[in-house]
Protein backbone atom coordinates (compact mmCIF):
# COMPACT_ATOMS: atom_id res chain seq x y z
CA MET A 1 137.84 119.29 45.40
CA SER A 2 137.87 121.15 48.39
CA THR A 3 135.90 120.28 51.42
CA ASN A 4 136.08 123.72 52.62
CA THR A 5 132.56 125.11 53.08
CA SER A 6 133.41 128.54 54.52
CA ALA A 7 132.41 131.69 52.81
CA ALA A 8 134.56 133.42 50.49
CA ALA A 9 137.45 135.19 51.47
CA PRO A 10 136.49 138.96 51.92
CA SER A 11 137.71 141.45 49.36
CA ILE A 12 141.07 143.13 49.92
CA HIS A 13 139.52 146.31 50.93
CA ARG A 14 137.40 144.46 53.72
CA ARG A 15 140.68 142.78 54.65
CA ALA A 16 142.44 146.13 55.11
CA VAL A 17 139.65 147.51 57.12
CA ILE A 18 139.47 144.51 59.50
CA THR A 19 143.41 144.83 60.00
CA TRP A 20 143.20 148.39 60.54
CA LEU A 21 140.36 147.86 63.01
CA ALA A 22 142.71 145.43 65.00
CA VAL A 23 146.07 147.13 64.72
CA TYR A 24 144.71 150.77 65.44
CA PRO A 25 143.06 150.26 68.99
CA THR A 26 145.89 147.93 69.85
CA ILE A 27 148.72 150.34 69.09
CA THR A 28 146.82 153.33 70.71
CA ALA A 29 146.23 151.01 74.08
CA VAL A 30 149.89 149.85 74.13
CA LEU A 31 151.14 153.25 73.47
CA GLY A 32 148.83 154.59 76.19
CA LEU A 33 149.89 151.72 78.74
CA LEU A 34 153.64 151.98 77.94
CA GLY A 35 154.33 155.41 76.50
CA PRO A 36 155.74 157.17 79.66
CA THR A 37 157.59 154.21 80.61
CA THR A 38 159.45 154.01 77.18
CA ALA A 39 159.42 157.62 76.53
CA HIS A 40 163.28 158.02 77.28
CA LEU A 41 164.14 154.95 74.84
CA PRO A 42 165.39 155.46 71.08
CA LEU A 43 162.72 155.56 68.69
CA LEU A 44 163.99 152.14 67.40
CA LEU A 45 163.74 150.47 70.62
CA ARG A 46 160.27 151.81 71.10
CA THR A 47 158.95 150.55 67.99
CA LEU A 48 160.39 147.20 68.39
CA ILE A 49 158.91 146.88 71.77
CA LEU A 50 155.51 148.01 70.36
CA THR A 51 155.56 145.83 67.44
CA VAL A 52 156.80 142.65 69.45
CA ILE A 53 153.28 143.27 71.47
CA VAL A 54 151.33 144.33 69.12
CA VAL A 55 151.71 142.13 66.30
CA PRO A 56 151.07 138.89 67.86
CA ILE A 57 147.99 140.24 69.58
CA ALA A 58 146.63 141.39 66.19
CA ALA A 59 147.52 138.53 64.17
CA TYR A 60 146.56 135.71 66.35
CA VAL A 61 143.88 136.93 68.42
CA LEU A 62 142.12 140.15 66.94
CA ILE A 63 142.03 139.47 63.07
CA PRO A 64 140.82 135.97 63.32
CA LEU A 65 137.97 137.16 65.82
CA LEU A 66 137.16 140.16 63.40
CA MET A 67 137.18 137.67 60.29
CA LYS A 68 134.81 135.46 62.08
CA ALA A 69 132.66 138.19 62.74
CA ASN A 70 132.60 139.33 59.19
CA ALA A 71 131.81 135.81 57.99
CA ALA A 72 128.92 135.86 60.28
CA MET A 73 127.64 139.18 59.16
CA ALA A 74 128.15 137.98 55.49
CA ARG A 75 126.08 134.98 56.20
CA ARG A 76 123.16 137.03 57.46
C-alpha cells in the first residue's frame, strides 16, 4: 500500500500545457539573451547551447514549480 497522499497526477493534456508554460518563455528568454551572441554559429551548435541551458531550467525548476501550483489549484 502506498503512503503517498498527494493528489492524482494531472492529465496528459494538462502536463503538456504545464511543460509548454515552462519551455516556451524559457526558450524565448534565452534566445533573446544569447541570440545575437550565437547568431554566427551553425544551427546545430546554437540548438545545442539553447537546450543545454533550457532543459535543466525547465526540468528541475520550472516544471516542478508549475506542478506544485497545479496541485494547489486542484485542491481548492
